[in-house]
């Protein structure tokens, strides 16, 4: 199957691109990432840097919310 059989995406097809205006009103700045069983990183979404870690998901989410509230 070569690239000549592929068709460009269209808005009427099964896949389409979102316009920049569509999305979350307030995107999250920190993400909680499961690293292993019982270990979570809090990662800054823009840079990918790990800002902290916790052993439970709820503690990791609380720390991520704390980081977001601490920003100006």
PDB file of N, CA and C in Angstrom:
ATOM      1  N   UNK A   1       0.851  -1.168   0.000  1.00  0.00           N
ATOM      2  CA  UNK A   1       0.000   0.000   0.000  1.00  0.00           C
ATOM      3  C   UNK A   1       0.898   1.233   0.000  1.00  0.00           C
ATOM      4  N   UNK A   2       0.873   1.994  -1.042  1.00  0.00           N
ATOM      5  CA  UNK A   2       1.712   3.170  -1.162  1.00  0.00           C
ATOM      6  C   UNK A   2       0.999   4.420  -0.709  1.00  0.00           C
ATOM      7  N   UNK A   3       1.743   5.509  -0.668  1.00  0.00           N
ATOM      8  CA  UNK A   3       1.163   6.769  -0.219  1.00  0.00           C
ATOM      9  C   UNK A   3       0.193   7.346  -1.243  1.00  0.00           C
ATOM     10  N   UNK A   4       0.239   6.839  -2.491  1.00  0.00           N
ATOM     11  CA  UNK A   4      -0.673   7.352  -3.500  1.00  0.00           C
ATOM     12  C   UNK A   4      -2.122   6.954  -3.217  1.00  0.00           C
ATOM     13  N   UNK A   5      -2.347   5.926  -2.384  1.00  0.00           N
ATOM     14  CA  UNK A   5      -3.711   5.511  -2.068  1.00  0.00           C
ATOM     15  C   UNK A   5      -4.292   6.287  -0.890  1.00  0.00           C
ATOM     16  N   UNK A   6      -3.468   7.046  -0.195  1.00  0.00           N
ATOM     17  CA  UNK A   6      -3.961   7.817   0.941  1.00  0.00           C
ATOM     18  C   UNK A   6      -4.616   9.100   0.466  1.00  0.00           C
ATOM     19  N   UNK A   7      -5.699   9.457   1.109  1.00  0.00           N
ATOM     20  CA  UNK A   7      -6.389  10.690   0.761  1.00  0.00           C
ATOM     21  C   UNK A   7      -6.216  11.698   1.883  1.00  0.00           C
ATOM     22  N   UNK A   8      -6.179  12.978   1.552  1.00  0.00           N
ATOM     23  CA  UNK A   8      -6.028  13.985   2.605  1.00  0.00           C
ATOM     24  C   UNK A   8      -7.262  14.011   3.498  1.00  0.00           C
ATOM     25  N   UNK A   9      -7.088  14.354   4.776  1.00  0.00           N
ATOM     26  CA  UNK A   9      -8.247  14.405   5.671  1.00  0.00           C
ATOM     27  C   UNK A   9      -9.201  15.520   5.262  1.00  0.00           C
ATOM     28  N   UNK A  10     -10.471  15.248   5.388  1.00  0.00           N
ATOM     29  CA  UNK A  10     -11.493  16.249   5.077  1.00  0.00           C
ATOM     30  C   UNK A  10     -12.441  16.350   6.256  1.00  0.00           C
ATOM     31  N   UNK A  11     -13.193  17.434   6.299  1.00  0.00           N
ATOM     32  CA  UNK A  11     -14.138  17.615   7.399  1.00  0.00           C
ATOM     33  C   UNK A  11     -15.313  16.654   7.298  1.00  0.00           C
ATOM     34  N   UNK A  12     -15.558  16.099   6.115  1.00  0.00           N
ATOM     35  CA  UNK A  12     -16.674  15.169   5.962  1.00  0.00           C
ATOM     36  C   UNK A  12     -16.252  13.724   6.191  1.00  0.00           C
ATOM     37  N   UNK A  13     -14.942  13.475   6.328  1.00  0.00           N
ATOM     38  CA  UNK A  13     -14.448  12.121   6.526  1.00  0.00           C
ATOM     39  C   UNK A  13     -14.521  11.700   7.979  1.00  0.00           C
ATOM     40  N   UNK A  14     -14.046  10.493   8.280  1.00  0.00           N
ATOM     41  CA  UNK A  14     -14.121   9.997   9.654  1.00  0.00           C
ATOM     42  C   UNK A  14     -13.144  10.709  10.594  1.00  0.00           C
ATOM     43  N   UNK A  15     -12.111  11.342  10.052  1.00  0.00           N
ATOM     44  CA  UNK A  15     -11.137  12.051  10.867  1.00  0.00           C
ATOM     45  C   UNK A  15     -11.066  13.498  10.406  1.00  0.00           C
ATOM     46  N   UNK A  16     -10.861  14.390  11.323  1.00  0.00           N
ATOM     47  CA  UNK A  16     -10.730  15.794  10.973  1.00  0.00           C
ATOM     48  C   UNK A  16      -9.863  16.488  12.007  1.00  0.00           C
ATOM     49  N   UNK A  17      -9.342  17.623  11.639  1.00  0.00           N
ATOM     50  CA  UNK A  17      -8.499  18.397  12.542  1.00  0.00           C
ATOM     51  C   UNK A  17      -9.352  19.422  13.271  1.00  0.00           C
ATOM     52  N   UNK A  18      -9.038  19.619  14.555  1.00  0.00           N
ATOM     53  CA  UNK A  18      -9.736  20.635  15.324  1.00  0.00           C
ATOM     54  C   UNK A  18      -9.131  21.997  15.029  1.00  0.00           C
ATOM     55  N   UNK A  19      -9.954  22.988  14.987  1.00  0.00           N
ATOM     56  CA  UNK A  19      -9.454  24.342  14.801  1.00  0.00           C
ATOM     57  C   UNK A  19      -8.847  24.820  16.112  1.00  0.00           C
ATOM     58  N   UNK A  20      -7.945  25.790  16.083  1.00  0.00           N
ATOM     59  CA  UNK A  20      -7.314  26.257  17.325  1.00  0.00           C
ATOM     60  C   UNK A  20      -8.307  26.829  18.334  1.00  0.00           C
ATOM     61  N   UNK A  21      -9.460  27.293  17.878  1.00  0.00           N
ATOM     62  CA  UNK A  21     -10.436  27.874  18.794  1.00  0.00           C
ATOM     63  C   UNK A  21     -11.127  26.815  19.647  1.00  0.00           C
ATOM     64  N   UNK A  22     -11.081  25.565  19.207  1.00  0.00           N
ATOM     65  CA  UNK A  22     -11.751  24.487  19.922  1.00  0.00           C
ATOM     66  C   UNK A  22     -10.776  23.901  20.931  1.00  0.00           C
ATOM     67  N   UNK A  23     -11.235  23.674  22.137  1.00  0.00           N
ATOM     68  CA  UNK A  23     -10.384  23.074  23.157  1.00  0.00           C
ATOM     69  C   UNK A  23     -10.869  23.457  24.535  1.00  0.00           C
ATOM     70  N   UNK A  24     -10.060  23.180  25.515  1.00  0.00           N
ATOM     71  CA  UNK A  24     -10.417  23.497  26.886  1.00  0.00           C
ATOM     72  C   UNK A  24     -10.274  24.992  27.131  1.00  0.00           C
ATOM     73  N   UNK A  25     -11.160  25.531  27.941  1.00  0.00           N
ATOM     74  CA  UNK A  25     -11.083  26.946  28.281  1.00  0.00           C
ATOM     75  C   UNK A  25      -9.855  27.218  29.150  1.00  0.00           C
ATOM     76  N   UNK A  26      -9.583  26.330  30.108  1.00  0.00           N
ATOM     77  CA  UNK A  26      -8.448  26.483  31.011  1.00  0.00           C
ATOM     78  C   UNK A  26      -7.683  25.162  31.061  1.00  0.00           C
ATOM     79  N   UNK A  27      -6.744  24.960  30.149  1.00  0.00           N
ATOM     80  CA  UNK A  27      -6.017  23.687  30.146  1.00  0.00           C
ATOM     81  C   UNK A  27      -5.167  23.538  31.402  1.00  0.00           C
ATOM     82  N   UNK A  28      -4.980  22.319  31.818  1.00  0.00           N
ATOM     83  CA  UNK A  28      -4.180  22.029  33.007  1.00  0.00           C
ATOM     84  C   UNK A  28      -2.710  22.299  32.725  1.00  0.00           C
ATOM     85  N   UNK A  29      -2.030  22.875  33.701  1.00  0.00           N
ATOM     86  CA  UNK A  29      -0.612  23.180  33.554  1.00  0.00           C
ATOM     87  C   UNK A  29       0.260  22.053  34.090  1.00  0.00           C
ATOM     88  N   UNK A  30      -0.313  21.215  34.949  1.00  0.00           N
ATOM     89  CA  UNK A  30       0.426  20.091  35.517  1.00  0.00           C
ATOM     90  C   UNK A  30      -0.361  18.814  35.275  1.00  0.00           C
ATOM     91  N   UNK A  31       0.362  17.741  34.956  1.00  0.00           N
ATOM     92  CA  UNK A  31      -0.257  16.452  34.669  1.00  0.00           C
ATOM     93  C   UNK A  31       0.225  15.423  35.676  1.00  0.00           C
ATOM     94  N   UNK A  32      -0.662  14.523  36.056  1.00  0.00           N
ATOM     95  CA  UNK A  32      -0.303  13.411  36.935  1.00  0.00           C
ATOM     96  C   UNK A  32      -0.073  12.192  36.049  1.00  0.00           C
ATOM     97  N   UNK A  33       1.133  11.649  36.111  1.00  0.00           N
ATOM     98  CA  UNK A  33       1.535  10.533  35.257  1.00  0.00           C
ATOM     99  C   UNK A  33       1.846   9.321  36.136  1.00  0.00           C
ATOM    100  N   UNK A  34       1.215   8.192  35.845  1.00  0.00           N
ATOM    101  CA  UNK A  34       1.514   6.953  36.564  1.00  0.00           C
ATOM    102  C   UNK A  34       2.839   6.398  36.038  1.00  0.00           C
ATOM    103  N   UNK A  35       3.830   6.295  36.915  1.00  0.00           N
ATOM    104  CA  UNK A  35       5.148   5.811  36.519  1.00  0.00           C
ATOM    105  C   UNK A  35       5.248   4.306  36.750  1.00  0.00           C
ATOM    106  N   UNK A  36       4.794   3.865  37.885  1.00  0.00           N
ATOM    107  CA  UNK A  36       4.748   2.441  38.194  1.00  0.00           C
ATOM    108  C   UNK A  36       3.592   2.233  39.163  1.00  0.00           C
ATOM    109  N   UNK A  37       3.416   1.024  39.600  1.00  0.00           N
ATOM    110  CA  UNK A  37       2.310   0.759  40.512  1.00  0.00           C
ATOM    111  C   UNK A  37       2.555   1.486  41.831  1.00  0.00           C
ATOM    112  N   UNK A  38       1.665   2.405  42.162  1.00  0.00           N
ATOM    113  CA  UNK A  38       1.779   3.141  43.407  1.00  0.00           C
ATOM    114  C   UNK A  38       2.804   4.260  43.383  1.00  0.00           C
ATOM    115  N   UNK A  39       3.130   4.796  42.204  1.00  0.00           N
ATOM    116  CA  UNK A  39       4.103   5.883  42.118  1.00  0.00           C
ATOM    117  C   UNK A  39       3.708   6.802  40.974  1.00  0.00           C
ATOM    118  N   UNK A  40       3.534   8.092  41.276  1.00  0.00           N
ATOM    119  CA  UNK A  40       3.027   9.053  40.306  1.00  0.00           C
ATOM    120  C   UNK A  40       3.923  10.276  40.244  1.00  0.00           C
ATOM    121  N   UNK A  41       4.217  10.726  39.034  1.00  0.00           N
ATOM    122  CA  UNK A  41       4.954  11.968  38.828  1.00  0.00           C
ATOM    123  C   UNK A  41       3.972  13.089  38.559  1.00  0.00           C
ATOM    124  N   UNK A  42       4.306  14.291  39.024  1.00  0.00           N
ATOM    125  CA  UNK A  42       3.567  15.495  38.663  1.00  0.00           C
ATOM    126  C   UNK A  42       4.450  16.220  37.668  1.00  0.00           C
ATOM    127  N   UNK A  43       3.979  16.295  36.423  1.00  0.00           N
ATOM    128  CA  UNK A  43       4.783  16.831  35.328  1.00  0.00           C
ATOM    129  C   UNK A  43       4.200  18.146  34.841  1.00  0.00           C
ATOM    130  N   UNK A  44       5.080  19.113  34.591  1.00  0.00           N
ATOM    131  CA  UNK A  44       4.655  20.378  34.008  1.00  0.00           C
ATOM    132  C   UNK A  44       4.342  20.131  32.537  1.00  0.00           C
ATOM    133  N   UNK A  45       3.127  20.474  32.118  1.00  0.00           N
ATOM    134  CA  UNK A  45       2.674  20.135  30.770  1.00  0.00           C
ATOM    135  C   UNK A  45       3.470  20.859  29.689  1.00  0.00           C
ATOM    136  N   UNK A  46       3.851  22.094  29.925  1.00  0.00           N
ATOM    137  CA  UNK A  46       4.541  22.869  28.903  1.00  0.00           C
ATOM    138  C   UNK A  46       5.965  22.432  28.638  1.00  0.00           C
ATOM    139  N   UNK A  47       6.685  22.058  29.689  1.00  0.00           N
ATOM    140  CA  UNK A  47       8.101  21.721  29.543  1.00  0.00           C
ATOM    141  C   UNK A  47       8.388  20.234  29.656  1.00  0.00           C
ATOM    142  N   UNK A  48       7.487  19.484  30.272  1.00  0.00           N
ATOM    143  CA  UNK A  48       7.720  18.060  30.469  1.00  0.00           C
ATOM    144  C   UNK A  48       8.573  17.747  31.683  1.00  0.00           C
ATOM    145  N   UNK A  49       8.943  18.764  32.452  1.00  0.00           N
ATOM    146  CA  UNK A  49       9.767  18.550  33.639  1.00  0.00           C
ATOM    147  C   UNK A  49       8.930  17.981  34.777  1.00  0.00           C
ATOM    148  N   UNK A  50       9.515  17.044  35.503  1.00  0.00           N
ATOM    149  CA  UNK A  50       8.856  16.472  36.674  1.00  0.00           C
ATOM    150  C   UNK A  50       9.063  17.431  37.837  1.00  0.00           C
ATOM    151  N   UNK A  51       7.962  17.868  38.430  1.00  0.00           N
ATOM    152  CA  UNK A  51       8.019  18.842  39.520  1.00  0.00           C
ATOM    153  C   UNK A  51       7.842  18.204  40.887  1.00  0.00           C
ATOM    154  N   UNK A  52       7.367  16.966  40.929  1.00  0.00           N
ATOM    155  CA  UNK A  52       7.183  16.289  42.203  1.00  0.00           C
ATOM    156  C   UNK A  52       6.718  14.866  41.981  1.00  0.00           C
ATOM    157  N   UNK A  53       6.564  14.139  43.073  1.00  0.00           N
ATOM    158  CA  UNK A  53       6.069  12.770  42.988  1.00  0.00           C
ATOM    159  C   UNK A  53       5.337  12.427  44.273  1.00  0.00           C
ATOM    160  N   UNK A  54       4.426  11.498  44.171  1.00  0.00           N
ATOM    161  CA  UNK A  54       3.656  11.015  45.311  1.00  0.00           C
ATOM    162  C   UNK A  54       3.381   9.529  45.124  1.00  0.00           C
ATOM    163  N   UNK A  55       3.006   8.876  46.215  1.00  0.00           N
ATOM    164  CA  UNK A  55       2.762   7.434  46.184  1.00  0.00           C
ATOM    165  C   UNK A  55       1.296   7.071  45.989  1.00  0.00           C
ATOM    166  N   UNK A  56       0.399   8.039  46.108  1.00  0.00           N
ATOM    167  CA  UNK A  56      -1.011   7.764  45.838  1.00  0.00           C
ATOM    168  C   UNK A  56      -1.523   8.761  44.807  1.00  0.00           C
ATOM    169  N   UNK A  57      -2.504   8.328  44.040  1.00  0.00           N
ATOM    170  CA  UNK A  57      -3.061   9.171  42.986  1.00  0.00           C
ATOM    171  C   UNK A  57      -3.718  10.423  43.568  1.00  0.00           C
ATOM    172  N   UNK A  58      -4.451  10.265  44.653  1.00  0.00           N
ATOM    173  CA  UNK A  58      -5.140  11.422  45.237  1.00  0.00           C
ATOM    174  C   UNK A  58      -4.143  12.445  45.773  1.00  0.00           C
ATOM    175  N   UNK A  59      -3.048  11.989  46.370  1.00  0.00           N
ATOM    176  CA  UNK A  59      -2.012  12.919  46.838  1.00  0.00           C
ATOM    177  C   UNK A  59      -1.333  13.618  45.663  1.00  0.00           C
ATOM    178  N   UNK A  60      -1.115  12.893  44.576  1.00  0.00           N
ATOM    179  CA  UNK A  60      -0.494  13.488  43.390  1.00  0.00           C
ATOM    180  C   UNK A  60      -1.404  14.552  42.779  1.00  0.00           C
ATOM    181  N   UNK A  61      -2.697  14.279  42.723  1.00  0.00           N
ATOM    182  CA  UNK A  61      -3.644  15.271  42.195  1.00  0.00           C
ATOM    183  C   UNK A  61      -3.703  16.499  43.095  1.00  0.00           C
ATOM    184  N   UNK A  62      -3.659  16.284  44.398  1.00  0.00           N
ATOM    185  CA  UNK A  62      -3.676  17.410  45.334  1.00  0.00           C
ATOM    186  C   UNK A  62      -2.431  18.274  45.164  1.00  0.00           C
ATOM    187  N   UNK A  63      -1.280  17.647  44.960  1.00  0.00           N
ATOM    188  CA  UNK A  63      -0.049  18.409  44.751  1.00  0.00           C
ATOM    189  C   UNK A  63      -0.096  19.174  43.431  1.00  0.00           C
ATOM    190  N   UNK A  64      -0.630  18.560  42.385  1.00  0.00           N
ATOM    191  CA  UNK A  64      -0.761  19.243  41.094  1.00  0.00           C
ATOM    192  C   UNK A  64      -1.680  20.459  41.223  1.00  0.00           C
ATOM    193  N   UNK A  65      -2.779  20.320  41.945  1.00  0.00           N
ATOM    194  CA  UNK A  65      -3.675  21.457  42.170  1.00  0.00           C
ATOM    195  C   UNK A  65      -2.992  22.540  42.993  1.00  0.00           C
ATOM    196  N   UNK A  66      -2.196  22.132  43.969  1.00  0.00           N
ATOM    197  CA  UNK A  66      -1.449  23.098  44.781  1.00  0.00           C
ATOM    198  C   UNK A  66      -0.477  23.894  43.905  1.00  0.00           C
ATOM    199  N   UNK A  67       0.220  23.211  43.004  1.00  0.00           N
ATOM    200  CA  UNK A  67       1.147  23.888  42.092  1.00  0.00           C
ATOM    201  C   UNK A  67       0.404  24.893  41.211  1.00  0.00           C
ATOM    202  N   UNK A  68      -0.764  24.506  40.703  1.00  0.00           N
ATOM    203  CA  UNK A  68      -1.513  25.406  39.827  1.00  0.00           C
ATOM    204  C   UNK A  68      -2.034  26.626  40.577  1.00  0.00           C
ATOM    205  N   UNK A  69      -2.462  26.440  41.817  1.00  0.00           N
ATOM    206  CA  UNK A  69      -2.958  27.569  42.606  1.00  0.00           C
ATOM    207  C   UNK A  69      -1.830  28.510  43.012  1.00  0.00           C
ATOM    208  N   UNK A  70      -0.609  27.986  43.114  1.00  0.00           N
ATOM    209  CA  UNK A  70       0.531  28.805  43.531  1.00  0.00           C
ATOM    210  C   UNK A  70       1.041  29.705  42.407  1.00  0.00           C
ATOM    211  N   UNK A  71       0.627  29.434  41.168  1.00  0.00           N
ATOM    212  CA  UNK A  71       1.067  30.265  40.049  1.00  0.00           C
ATOM    213  C   UNK A  71       0.337  31.601  40.061  1.00  0.00           C
ATOM    214  N   UNK A  72       0.987  32.652  39.556  1.00  0.00           N
ATOM    215  CA  UNK A  72       0.325  33.970  39.535  1.00  0.00           C
ATOM    216  C   UNK A  72      -0.829  34.036  38.568  1.00  0.00           C
TER     217      UNK A  72
END
